[in-house]
């Protein structure tokens, strides 16, 4: 297929672009490099420097490529920043996404795959979390993603735009070539590995009094290559709707740190700090719908394999991408 990937210079988008190309698809990456890196774009892909703020820029790019499918990863994703600058999040994550959906309709794109988030649920009523849980986001980041999810439902109903939206949990790990390098790093595993690399003095643990076995938060980690495979499976005709992506197994903050010590062979000091407001004790996905309807099966479900691939990439790229 001819696939148009927004945010393909970012962490998840870059690995998905690589896996699409490996599967024989033709890929055009559309990215403004605000958060992504030019050197994170697979050399086999076409690259278009995005300017979504310019009138007609998104439509012109889609018209030029005439893709069979759009994979939409481009978004701002810092929860804390969304609380201080909601305008930035609603404009990019909703308004620009809507421009992309409009372009898809105008150009007759057959499939739209949206990178959504478990943040649309807010604090869950139960775990593991299924797709039918109430969606009550508690920050503008989650709200902006939910708004676009709702728009896609109406676009399918009225314009017949076939879509899949993946709500995923904590992406982690790396391929041999592409890994995780955010300009502002908030994710646990790369922050822990930066301590092992000597780039940070310690890792911070926010809250040790949660109702979990070791008192620290439990999260569901999913390998970035498994995320990519789910998106490729989402290109199948006749598949539509909302799907959670996760392993169904959660690991605590202390378990992640301990595994990073094992994989790196280095002692990783930790500093305990108070809880952060709004952090649920446990977030774990129920991904049975993706298993059953898409035939998806994670190939790297174990924390050991996730950390091992992340560490290998960080050792090879200790300063991340050069640009």
C-alpha atoms as a PDB file:
ATOM      1  CA  UNK A   1       0.000   0.000   0.000  1.00  0.00           C
ATOM      2  CA  UNK A   2       0.926   3.627  -0.398  1.00  0.00           C
ATOM      3  CA  UNK A   3       0.934   4.950   3.190  1.00  0.00           C
ATOM      4  CA  UNK A   4       1.103   8.540   4.448  1.00  0.00           C
ATOM      5  CA  UNK A   5       2.596   8.696   7.971  1.00  0.00           C
ATOM      6  CA  UNK A   6       2.263  11.867  10.020  1.00  0.00           C
ATOM      7  CA  UNK A   7       4.754  12.141  12.873  1.00  0.00           C
ATOM      8  CA  UNK A   8       7.016   9.611  11.201  1.00  0.00           C
ATOM      9  CA  UNK A   9      10.105  11.359  12.583  1.00  0.00           C
ATOM     10  CA  UNK A  10       8.942  10.718  16.144  1.00  0.00           C
ATOM     11  CA  UNK A  11       9.588   7.735  18.381  1.00  0.00           C
ATOM     12  CA  UNK A  12       6.662   5.453  17.521  1.00  0.00           C
ATOM     13  CA  UNK A  13       6.195   6.841  14.009  1.00  0.00           C
ATOM     14  CA  UNK A  14       9.816   6.174  13.044  1.00  0.00           C
ATOM     15  CA  UNK A  15       9.659   2.502  14.044  1.00  0.00           C
ATOM     16  CA  UNK A  16       6.271   2.087  12.379  1.00  0.00           C
ATOM     17  CA  UNK A  17       7.689   3.619   9.188  1.00  0.00           C
ATOM     18  CA  UNK A  18      10.574   1.148   9.314  1.00  0.00           C
ATOM     19  CA  UNK A  19       8.243  -1.822   9.810  1.00  0.00           C
ATOM     20  CA  UNK A  20       5.905  -0.661   7.022  1.00  0.00           C
ATOM     21  CA  UNK A  21       8.847  -0.478   4.629  1.00  0.00           C
ATOM     22  CA  UNK A  22      10.087  -3.889   5.741  1.00  0.00           C
ATOM     23  CA  UNK A  23       6.620  -5.255   4.939  1.00  0.00           C
ATOM     24  CA  UNK A  24       6.839  -3.878   1.386  1.00  0.00           C
ATOM     25  CA  UNK A  25       4.689  -0.771   1.711  1.00  0.00           C
ATOM     26  CA  UNK A  26       5.538   2.581   0.141  1.00  0.00           C
ATOM     27  CA  UNK A  27       5.808   5.307   2.794  1.00  0.00           C
ATOM     28  CA  UNK A  28       5.762   9.105   2.826  1.00  0.00           C
ATOM     29  CA  UNK A  29       6.571  10.746   6.166  1.00  0.00           C
ATOM     30  CA  UNK A  30       4.967  14.132   6.928  1.00  0.00           C
ATOM     31  CA  UNK A  31       6.540  15.784   9.988  1.00  0.00           C
ATOM     32  CA  UNK A  32       7.318  19.348  11.061  1.00  0.00           C
ATOM     33  CA  UNK A  33      10.256  18.162  13.246  1.00  0.00           C
ATOM     34  CA  UNK A  34       8.945  20.122  16.251  1.00  0.00           C
ATOM     35  CA  UNK A  35       9.357  16.969  18.334  1.00  0.00           C
ATOM     36  CA  UNK A  36      10.731  14.512  15.783  1.00  0.00           C
ATOM     37  CA  UNK A  37      14.201  14.116  14.281  1.00  0.00           C
ATOM     38  CA  UNK A  38      15.113  14.129  10.598  1.00  0.00           C
ATOM     39  CA  UNK A  39      17.649  11.326  11.125  1.00  0.00           C
ATOM     40  CA  UNK A  40      14.888   9.186  12.658  1.00  0.00           C
ATOM     41  CA  UNK A  41      13.199   8.923   9.250  1.00  0.00           C
ATOM     42  CA  UNK A  42      14.059   5.698   7.457  1.00  0.00           C
ATOM     43  CA  UNK A  43      16.123   6.498   4.361  1.00  0.00           C
ATOM     44  CA  UNK A  44      13.786   4.397   2.205  1.00  0.00           C
ATOM     45  CA  UNK A  45      10.820   6.700   2.940  1.00  0.00           C
ATOM     46  CA  UNK A  46       9.916   9.902   1.164  1.00  0.00           C
ATOM     47  CA  UNK A  47      10.011  12.905   3.500  1.00  0.00           C
ATOM     48  CA  UNK A  48       7.797  15.989   3.413  1.00  0.00           C
ATOM     49  CA  UNK A  49       8.573  18.821   5.840  1.00  0.00           C
ATOM     50  CA  UNK A  50       5.188  19.602   7.332  1.00  0.00           C
ATOM     51  CA  UNK A  51       3.789  23.078   7.859  1.00  0.00           C
ATOM     52  CA  UNK A  52       0.328  22.309   9.240  1.00  0.00           C
ATOM     53  CA  UNK A  53      -0.167  25.897  10.369  1.00  0.00           C
ATOM     54  CA  UNK A  54      -0.150  27.032   6.710  1.00  0.00           C
ATOM     55  CA  UNK A  55      -3.540  27.048   5.050  1.00  0.00           C
ATOM     56  CA  UNK A  56      -3.908  24.067   2.711  1.00  0.00           C
ATOM     57  CA  UNK A  57      -0.514  22.561   3.542  1.00  0.00           C
ATOM     58  CA  UNK A  58      -1.882  19.255   4.830  1.00  0.00           C
ATOM     59  CA  UNK A  59      -4.337  18.891   1.966  1.00  0.00           C
ATOM     60  CA  UNK A  60      -1.653  19.658  -0.637  1.00  0.00           C
ATOM     61  CA  UNK A  61       0.643  16.993   0.838  1.00  0.00           C
ATOM     62  CA  UNK A  62      -2.080  14.334   0.814  1.00  0.00           C
ATOM     63  CA  UNK A  63      -3.128  15.311  -2.721  1.00  0.00           C
ATOM     64  CA  UNK A  64       0.473  14.953  -3.881  1.00  0.00           C
ATOM     65  CA  UNK A  65       0.930  11.489  -2.373  1.00  0.00           C
ATOM     66  CA  UNK A  66      -2.584  10.119  -3.062  1.00  0.00           C
ATOM     67  CA  UNK A  67      -2.177   7.478  -0.343  1.00  0.00           C
ATOM     68  CA  UNK A  68      -4.242   4.355   0.191  1.00  0.00           C
ATOM     69  CA  UNK A  69      -3.979   4.854   3.946  1.00  0.00           C
ATOM     70  CA  UNK A  70      -3.013   7.481   6.525  1.00  0.00           C
ATOM     71  CA  UNK A  71      -1.315   6.623   9.819  1.00  0.00           C
ATOM     72  CA  UNK A  72      -1.638   9.598  12.142  1.00  0.00           C
ATOM     73  CA  UNK A  73       0.978   9.746  14.924  1.00  0.00           C
ATOM     74  CA  UNK A  74       1.707  13.490  14.988  1.00  0.00           C
ATOM     75  CA  UNK A  75       0.712  14.971  18.353  1.00  0.00           C
ATOM     76  CA  UNK A  76       1.997  16.770  21.386  1.00  0.00           C
ATOM     77  CA  UNK A  77       2.006  14.346  24.297  1.00  0.00           C
ATOM     78  CA  UNK A  78       3.294  15.969  27.485  1.00  0.00           C
ATOM     79  CA  UNK A  79       0.490  15.729  30.013  1.00  0.00           C
ATOM     80  CA  UNK A  80       1.952  18.362  32.334  1.00  0.00           C
ATOM     81  CA  UNK A  81       2.474  20.845  29.514  1.00  0.00           C
ATOM     82  CA  UNK A  82      -1.103  20.324  28.349  1.00  0.00           C
ATOM     83  CA  UNK A  83      -2.264  21.587  31.758  1.00  0.00           C
ATOM     84  CA  UNK A  84      -0.314  24.846  31.372  1.00  0.00           C
ATOM     85  CA  UNK A  85      -0.722  25.361  27.617  1.00  0.00           C
ATOM     86  CA  UNK A  86      -3.992  23.716  26.525  1.00  0.00           C
ATOM     87  CA  UNK A  87      -4.230  25.915  23.437  1.00  0.00           C
ATOM     88  CA  UNK A  88      -1.139  24.221  21.987  1.00  0.00           C
ATOM     89  CA  UNK A  89      -2.699  20.801  22.476  1.00  0.00           C
ATOM     90  CA  UNK A  90      -6.160  21.505  21.128  1.00  0.00           C
ATOM     91  CA  UNK A  91      -4.798  23.276  18.046  1.00  0.00           C
ATOM     92  CA  UNK A  92      -2.353  20.536  17.130  1.00  0.00           C
ATOM     93  CA  UNK A  93      -4.006  17.371  18.419  1.00  0.00           C
ATOM     94  CA  UNK A  94      -7.524  18.276  17.343  1.00  0.00           C
ATOM     95  CA  UNK A  95      -7.606  21.131  14.815  1.00  0.00           C
ATOM     96  CA  UNK A  96      -4.682  19.867  12.727  1.00  0.00           C
ATOM     97  CA  UNK A  97      -5.949  16.292  13.007  1.00  0.00           C
ATOM     98  CA  UNK A  98      -9.309  17.467  11.686  1.00  0.00           C
ATOM     99  CA  UNK A  99      -7.545  19.069   8.694  1.00  0.00           C
ATOM    100  CA  UNK A 100      -5.946  15.690   8.041  1.00  0.00           C
ATOM    101  CA  UNK A 101      -9.283  13.880   8.217  1.00  0.00           C
ATOM    102  CA  UNK A 102     -10.766  16.447   5.821  1.00  0.00           C
ATOM    103  CA  UNK A 103      -7.891  15.824   3.412  1.00  0.00           C
ATOM    104  CA  UNK A 104      -8.461  12.072   3.688  1.00  0.00           C
ATOM    105  CA  UNK A 105     -12.118  12.497   2.766  1.00  0.00           C
ATOM    106  CA  UNK A 106     -11.373  14.869  -0.121  1.00  0.00           C
ATOM    107  CA  UNK A 107      -8.686  12.579  -1.556  1.00  0.00           C
ATOM    108  CA  UNK A 108     -10.666   9.364  -1.164  1.00  0.00           C
ATOM    109  CA  UNK A 109      -8.281   7.712   1.290  1.00  0.00           C
ATOM    110  CA  UNK A 110      -9.480   4.197   2.074  1.00  0.00           C
ATOM    111  CA  UNK A 111      -8.152   3.807   5.635  1.00  0.00           C
ATOM    112  CA  UNK A 112      -7.279   6.134   8.519  1.00  0.00           C
ATOM    113  CA  UNK A 113      -5.341   4.731  11.497  1.00  0.00           C
ATOM    114  CA  UNK A 114      -5.177   7.022  14.520  1.00  0.00           C
ATOM    115  CA  UNK A 115      -2.617   6.876  17.316  1.00  0.00           C
ATOM    116  CA  UNK A 116      -4.777   7.568  20.365  1.00  0.00           C
ATOM    117  CA  UNK A 117      -4.020   7.004  24.036  1.00  0.00           C
ATOM    118  CA  UNK A 118      -5.240   5.402  27.253  1.00  0.00           C
ATOM    119  CA  UNK A 119      -5.357   8.975  28.617  1.00  0.00           C
ATOM    120  CA  UNK A 120      -8.823   9.247  27.045  1.00  0.00           C
ATOM    121  CA  UNK A 121     -10.136   7.024  29.866  1.00  0.00           C
ATOM    122  CA  UNK A 122      -8.853   9.054  32.778  1.00  0.00           C
ATOM    123  CA  UNK A 123      -8.714   7.195  36.104  1.00  0.00           C
ATOM    124  CA  UNK A 124     -10.226   3.793  35.258  1.00  0.00           C
ATOM    125  CA  UNK A 125     -13.178   2.221  37.034  1.00  0.00           C
ATOM    126  CA  UNK A 126     -11.433  -1.142  36.822  1.00  0.00           C
ATOM    127  CA  UNK A 127      -8.305  -2.847  35.545  1.00  0.00           C
ATOM    128  CA  UNK A 128      -7.422  -4.467  33.236  1.00  0.00           C
ATOM    129  CA  UNK A 129      -8.966  -1.714  31.131  1.00  0.00           C
ATOM    130  CA  UNK A 130     -11.346  -2.646  28.314  1.00  0.00           C
ATOM    131  CA  UNK A 131     -12.510  -0.485  25.424  1.00  0.00           C
ATOM    132  CA  UNK A 132     -16.001  -0.057  26.858  1.00  0.00           C
ATOM    133  CA  UNK A 133     -14.871   1.820  29.964  1.00  0.00           C
ATOM    134  CA  UNK A 134     -16.211   5.382  30.384  1.00  0.00           C
ATOM    135  CA  UNK A 135     -13.898   7.992  28.883  1.00  0.00           C
ATOM    136  CA  UNK A 136     -13.302  10.804  31.351  1.00  0.00           C
ATOM    137  CA  UNK A 137      -9.927  12.410  30.610  1.00  0.00           C
ATOM    138  CA  UNK A 138      -8.453  14.594  33.333  1.00  0.00           C
ATOM    139  CA  UNK A 139      -6.080  16.693  31.206  1.00  0.00           C
ATOM    140  CA  UNK A 140      -6.205  18.575  27.874  1.00  0.00           C
ATOM    141  CA  UNK A 141      -3.892  15.997  26.261  1.00  0.00           C
ATOM    142  CA  UNK A 142      -6.384  13.167  26.823  1.00  0.00           C
ATOM    143  CA  UNK A 143      -9.315  15.442  26.002  1.00  0.00           C
ATOM    144  CA  UNK A 144      -7.784  16.524  22.672  1.00  0.00           C
ATOM    145  CA  UNK A 145      -7.333  12.887  21.650  1.00  0.00           C
ATOM    146  CA  UNK A 146     -10.873  11.982  22.710  1.00  0.00           C
ATOM    147  CA  UNK A 147     -12.296  14.898  20.715  1.00  0.00           C
ATOM    148  CA  UNK A 148     -10.687  13.548  17.559  1.00  0.00           C
ATOM    149  CA  UNK A 149     -11.863  10.014  18.325  1.00  0.00           C
ATOM    150  CA  UNK A 150     -15.429  11.371  18.425  1.00  0.00           C
ATOM    151  CA  UNK A 151     -14.921  13.261  15.156  1.00  0.00           C
ATOM    152  CA  UNK A 152     -13.724  10.056  13.470  1.00  0.00           C
ATOM    153  CA  UNK A 153     -16.929   8.269  14.460  1.00  0.00           C
ATOM    154  CA  UNK A 154     -18.991  10.908  12.663  1.00  0.00           C
ATOM    155  CA  UNK A 155     -16.641  10.968   9.681  1.00  0.00           C
ATOM    156  CA  UNK A 156     -17.144   7.230   9.310  1.00  0.00           C
ATOM    157  CA  UNK A 157     -20.908   7.612   9.666  1.00  0.00           C
ATOM    158  CA  UNK A 158     -21.287  10.481   7.205  1.00  0.00           C
ATOM    159  CA  UNK A 159     -18.229  10.386   4.907  1.00  0.00           C
ATOM    160  CA  UNK A 160     -17.561   6.635   5.114  1.00  0.00           C
ATOM    161  CA  UNK A 161     -13.980   7.178   6.252  1.00  0.00           C
ATOM    162  CA  UNK A 162     -12.890   3.761   7.495  1.00  0.00           C
ATOM    163  CA  UNK A 163     -10.808   4.224  10.645  1.00  0.00           C
ATOM    164  CA  UNK A 164      -9.074   2.409  13.472  1.00  0.00           C
ATOM    165  CA  UNK A 165      -8.022   4.185  16.670  1.00  0.00           C
ATOM    166  CA  UNK A 166      -5.430   2.500  18.879  1.00  0.00           C
ATOM    167  CA  UNK A 167      -5.442   3.479  22.541  1.00  0.00           C
ATOM    168  CA  UNK A 168      -2.086   2.481  23.870  1.00  0.00           C
ATOM    169  CA  UNK A 169      -0.329   2.521  27.127  1.00  0.00           C
ATOM    170  CA  UNK A 170       3.426   2.919  27.732  1.00  0.00           C
ATOM    171  CA  UNK A 171       5.460   2.511  24.553  1.00  0.00           C
ATOM    172  CA  UNK A 172       9.007   1.345  25.240  1.00  0.00           C
ATOM    173  CA  UNK A 173      11.954  -0.469  23.680  1.00  0.00           C
ATOM    174  CA  UNK A 174      13.594   0.110  20.314  1.00  0.00           C
ATOM    175  CA  UNK A 175      14.381  -1.463  16.972  1.00  0.00           C
ATOM    176  CA  UNK A 176      18.008  -1.940  16.020  1.00  0.00           C
ATOM    177  CA  UNK A 177      17.956   1.356  14.120  1.00  0.00           C
ATOM    178  CA  UNK A 178      15.393   3.605  15.815  1.00  0.00           C
ATOM    179  CA  UNK A 179      14.748   4.388  19.468  1.00  0.00           C
ATOM    180  CA  UNK A 180      13.397   6.860  21.985  1.00  0.00           C
ATOM    181  CA  UNK A 181      14.815  10.387  22.060  1.00  0.00           C
ATOM    182  CA  UNK A 182      12.476  13.102  23.295  1.00  0.00           C
ATOM    183  CA  UNK A 183      13.737  16.636  23.785  1.00  0.00           C
ATOM    184  CA  UNK A 184      11.883  16.613  27.104  1.00  0.00           C
ATOM    185  CA  UNK A 185      11.995  13.059  28.414  1.00  0.00           C
ATOM    186  CA  UNK A 186       9.172  12.063  30.761  1.00  0.00           C
ATOM    187  CA  UNK A 187       9.118   8.296  30.187  1.00  0.00           C
ATOM    188  CA  UNK A 188      10.443   6.056  32.905  1.00  0.00           C
ATOM    189  CA  UNK A 189      12.634   3.569  31.027  1.00  0.00           C
ATOM    190  CA  UNK A 190      14.776   6.074  29.076  1.00  0.00           C
ATOM    191  CA  UNK A 191      15.144   8.204  32.211  1.00  0.00           C
ATOM    192  CA  UNK A 192      16.365   5.187  34.174  1.00  0.00           C
ATOM    193  CA  UNK A 193      18.755   4.228  31.388  1.00  0.00           C
ATOM    194  CA  UNK A 194      20.158   7.764  31.328  1.00  0.00           C
ATOM    195  CA  UNK A 195      21.267   7.180  34.918  1.00  0.00           C
ATOM    196  CA  UNK A 196      23.047   4.004  33.793  1.00  0.00           C
ATOM    197  CA  UNK A 197      24.718   6.039  31.031  1.00  0.00           C
ATOM    198  CA  UNK A 198      25.959   8.581  33.582  1.00  0.00           C
ATOM    199  CA  UNK A 199      23.764  11.339  32.172  1.00  0.00           C
ATOM    200  CA  UNK A 200      21.596  11.705  35.295  1.00  0.00           C
ATOM    201  CA  UNK A 201      22.607  11.322  38.944  1.00  0.00           C
ATOM    202  CA  UNK A 202      19.510   9.352  39.901  1.00  0.00           C
ATOM    203  CA  UNK A 203      15.973   8.396  38.946  1.00  0.00           C
ATOM    204  CA  UNK A 204      13.007   9.849  40.814  1.00  0.00           C
ATOM    205  CA  UNK A 205      10.176   7.706  42.181  1.00  0.00           C
ATOM    206  CA  UNK A 206       6.936   9.628  42.663  1.00  0.00           C
ATOM    207  CA  UNK A 207       5.039   7.895  45.442  1.00  0.00           C
ATOM    208  CA  UNK A 208       5.918   4.753  47.378  1.00  0.00           C
ATOM    209  CA  UNK A 209       2.684   4.372  49.347  1.00  0.00           C
ATOM    210  CA  UNK A 210       0.306   3.152  46.634  1.00  0.00           C
ATOM    211  CA  UNK A 211      -1.834   0.038  47.267  1.00  0.00           C
ATOM    212  CA  UNK A 212       0.506  -2.141  45.163  1.00  0.00           C
ATOM    213  CA  UNK A 213       2.892  -4.928  46.249  1.00  0.00           C
ATOM    214  CA  UNK A 214       5.924  -2.614  46.539  1.00  0.00           C
ATOM    215  CA  UNK A 215       4.086   0.689  46.985  1.00  0.00           C
ATOM    216  CA  UNK A 216       4.979   2.133  43.571  1.00  0.00           C
ATOM    217  CA  UNK A 217       2.741   2.668  40.534  1.00  0.00           C
ATOM    218  CA  UNK A 218       2.181  -0.222  38.134  1.00  0.00           C
ATOM    219  CA  UNK A 219       2.080   0.436  34.388  1.00  0.00           C
ATOM    220  CA  UNK A 220       1.641  -1.665  31.255  1.00  0.00           C
ATOM    221  CA  UNK A 221       4.699  -1.476  28.948  1.00  0.00           C
ATOM    222  CA  UNK A 222       4.458  -2.382  25.278  1.00  0.00           C
ATOM    223  CA  UNK A 223       7.330  -2.771  22.834  1.00  0.00           C
ATOM    224  CA  UNK A 224       7.361  -0.168  20.090  1.00  0.00           C
ATOM    225  CA  UNK A 225       7.765  -2.864  17.403  1.00  0.00           C
ATOM    226  CA  UNK A 226       4.635  -4.579  18.690  1.00  0.00           C
ATOM    227  CA  UNK A 227       2.813  -1.246  18.385  1.00  0.00           C
ATOM    228  CA  UNK A 228       4.040  -0.965  14.811  1.00  0.00           C
ATOM    229  CA  UNK A 229       2.771  -4.448  13.951  1.00  0.00           C
ATOM    230  CA  UNK A 230      -0.661  -3.573  15.320  1.00  0.00           C
ATOM    231  CA  UNK A 231      -0.826  -0.539  13.029  1.00  0.00           C
ATOM    232  CA  UNK A 232       0.120  -2.669  10.021  1.00  0.00           C
ATOM    233  CA  UNK A 233      -2.609  -5.172  10.932  1.00  0.00           C
ATOM    234  CA  UNK A 234      -4.975  -2.215  11.217  1.00  0.00           C
ATOM    235  CA  UNK A 235      -4.566  -1.597   7.494  1.00  0.00           C
ATOM    236  CA  UNK A 236      -6.588  -4.728   6.756  1.00  0.00           C
ATOM    237  CA  UNK A 237      -9.854  -3.983   4.951  1.00  0.00           C
ATOM    238  CA  UNK A 238     -13.005  -4.326   6.989  1.00  0.00           C
ATOM    239  CA  UNK A 239     -11.327  -3.665  10.327  1.00  0.00           C
ATOM    240  CA  UNK A 240     -12.624  -0.631  12.161  1.00  0.00           C
ATOM    241  CA  UNK A 241     -13.183   0.845  15.616  1.00  0.00           C
ATOM    242  CA  UNK A 242     -11.267   1.276  18.857  1.00  0.00           C
ATOM    243  CA  UNK A 243      -8.597  -1.051  20.195  1.00  0.00           C
ATOM    244  CA  UNK A 244      -6.487  -1.038  23.350  1.00  0.00           C
ATOM    245  CA  UNK A 245      -2.859  -2.043  22.878  1.00  0.00           C
ATOM    246  CA  UNK A 246      -0.930  -3.377  25.851  1.00  0.00           C
ATOM    247  CA  UNK A 247       0.541  -6.563  27.223  1.00  0.00           C
ATOM    248  CA  UNK A 248      -1.959  -7.015  30.031  1.00  0.00           C
ATOM    249  CA  UNK A 249       0.930  -7.378  32.479  1.00  0.00           C
ATOM    250  CA  UNK A 250       1.947  -4.426  34.586  1.00  0.00           C
ATOM    251  CA  UNK A 251       5.308  -3.661  36.147  1.00  0.00           C
ATOM    252  CA  UNK A 252       5.945  -1.347  39.064  1.00  0.00           C
ATOM    253  CA  UNK A 253       8.407   1.529  39.019  1.00  0.00           C
ATOM    254  CA  UNK A 254      10.722  -0.389  41.331  1.00  0.00           C
ATOM    255  CA  UNK A 255      10.505  -3.491  39.108  1.00  0.00           C
ATOM    256  CA  UNK A 256      11.476  -1.407  36.073  1.00  0.00           C
ATOM    257  CA  UNK A 257      14.477   0.065  37.898  1.00  0.00           C
ATOM    258  CA  UNK A 258      15.564  -3.392  39.087  1.00  0.00           C
ATOM    259  CA  UNK A 259      15.333  -4.806  35.558  1.00  0.00           C
ATOM    260  CA  UNK A 260      17.349  -1.887  34.173  1.00  0.00           C
ATOM    261  CA  UNK A 261      20.054  -2.656  36.765  1.00  0.00           C
ATOM    262  CA  UNK A 262      20.130  -6.283  35.631  1.00  0.00           C
ATOM    263  CA  UNK A 263      20.308  -5.454  31.913  1.00  0.00           C
ATOM    264  CA  UNK A 264      22.883  -2.646  32.242  1.00  0.00           C
ATOM    265  CA  UNK A 265      24.923  -4.218  35.014  1.00  0.00           C
ATOM    266  CA  UNK A 266      24.964  -0.853  36.776  1.00  0.00           C
ATOM    267  CA  UNK A 267      23.619   0.385  40.081  1.00  0.00           C
ATOM    268  CA  UNK A 268      20.846   2.941  39.539  1.00  0.00           C
ATOM    269  CA  UNK A 269      20.264   5.256  42.534  1.00  0.00           C
ATOM    270  CA  UNK A 270      16.667   6.279  43.180  1.00  0.00           C
ATOM    271  CA  UNK A 271      15.248   9.226  45.109  1.00  0.00           C
ATOM    272  CA  UNK A 272      11.773   8.838  46.566  1.00  0.00           C
ATOM    273  CA  UNK A 273       9.427  11.811  46.184  1.00  0.00           C
ATOM    274  CA  UNK A 274       5.768  12.481  46.987  1.00  0.00           C
ATOM    275  CA  UNK A 275       2.988  11.266  44.715  1.00  0.00           C
ATOM    276  CA  UNK A 276       2.084  13.299  41.655  1.00  0.00           C
ATOM    277  CA  UNK A 277      -1.564  14.451  41.579  1.00  0.00           C
ATOM    278  CA  UNK A 278      -3.762  12.260  39.389  1.00  0.00           C
ATOM    279  CA  UNK A 279      -1.438   9.240  39.103  1.00  0.00           C
ATOM    280  CA  UNK A 280      -3.598   6.091  39.387  1.00  0.00           C
ATOM    281  CA  UNK A 281      -1.989   3.181  41.273  1.00  0.00           C
ATOM    282  CA  UNK A 282      -2.385   0.749  38.365  1.00  0.00           C
ATOM    283  CA  UNK A 283      -2.967   1.113  34.617  1.00  0.00           C
ATOM    284  CA  UNK A 284      -3.042  -2.150  32.691  1.00  0.00           C
ATOM    285  CA  UNK A 285      -4.655  -2.848  29.320  1.00  0.00           C
ATOM    286  CA  UNK A 286      -7.027  -5.593  28.298  1.00  0.00           C
ATOM    287  CA  UNK A 287      -6.108  -6.088  24.634  1.00  0.00           C
ATOM    288  CA  UNK A 288      -8.264  -9.136  23.859  1.00  0.00           C
ATOM    289  CA  UNK A 289     -10.178  -7.243  21.182  1.00  0.00           C
ATOM    290  CA  UNK A 290      -6.963  -6.609  19.216  1.00  0.00           C
ATOM    291  CA  UNK A 291      -5.940 -10.244  19.696  1.00  0.00           C
ATOM    292  CA  UNK A 292      -9.270 -11.600  18.501  1.00  0.00           C
ATOM    293  CA  UNK A 293     -10.266  -9.156  15.761  1.00  0.00           C
ATOM    294  CA  UNK A 294      -6.893  -8.145  14.297  1.00  0.00           C
ATOM    295  CA  UNK A 295      -4.872 -11.273  15.010  1.00  0.00           C
ATOM    296  CA  UNK A 296      -2.338  -9.201  16.943  1.00  0.00           C
ATOM    297  CA  UNK A 297       0.084 -10.943  19.274  1.00  0.00           C
ATOM    298  CA  UNK A 298       2.943  -9.077  20.993  1.00  0.00           C
ATOM    299  CA  UNK A 299       6.348 -10.549  20.170  1.00  0.00           C
ATOM    300  CA  UNK A 300       8.153  -8.764  23.021  1.00  0.00           C
ATOM    301  CA  UNK A 301       5.790  -9.018  26.015  1.00  0.00           C
ATOM    302  CA  UNK A 302       8.473  -9.392  28.692  1.00  0.00           C
ATOM    303  CA  UNK A 303       9.984  -6.402  30.452  1.00  0.00           C
ATOM    304  CA  UNK A 304      13.432  -7.968  30.065  1.00  0.00           C
ATOM    305  CA  UNK A 305      13.213  -7.897  26.256  1.00  0.00           C
ATOM    306  CA  UNK A 306      11.794  -4.379  26.200  1.00  0.00           C
ATOM    307  CA  UNK A 307      14.596  -2.983  28.378  1.00  0.00           C
ATOM    308  CA  UNK A 308      17.266  -4.990  26.552  1.00  0.00           C
ATOM    309  CA  UNK A 309      16.385  -3.463  23.171  1.00  0.00           C
ATOM    310  CA  UNK A 310      16.092   0.033  24.653  1.00  0.00           C
ATOM    311  CA  UNK A 311      19.502  -0.277  26.316  1.00  0.00           C
ATOM    312  CA  UNK A 312      21.148  -1.553  23.122  1.00  0.00           C
ATOM    313  CA  UNK A 313      19.865   1.492  21.221  1.00  0.00           C
ATOM    314  CA  UNK A 314      20.900   3.983  23.929  1.00  0.00           C
ATOM    315  CA  UNK A 315      24.400   2.491  24.090  1.00  0.00           C
ATOM    316  CA  UNK A 316      24.720   2.963  20.333  1.00  0.00           C
ATOM    317  CA  UNK A 317      23.147   6.445  20.501  1.00  0.00           C
ATOM    318  CA  UNK A 318      24.085   7.853  23.932  1.00  0.00           C
ATOM    319  CA  UNK A 319      23.125  11.387  22.893  1.00  0.00           C
ATOM    320  CA  UNK A 320      20.109  10.278  20.871  1.00  0.00           C
ATOM    321  CA  UNK A 321      19.666  11.614  17.360  1.00  0.00           C
ATOM    322  CA  UNK A 322      22.034  14.310  16.107  1.00  0.00           C
ATOM    323  CA  UNK A 323      19.253  16.589  14.857  1.00  0.00           C
END
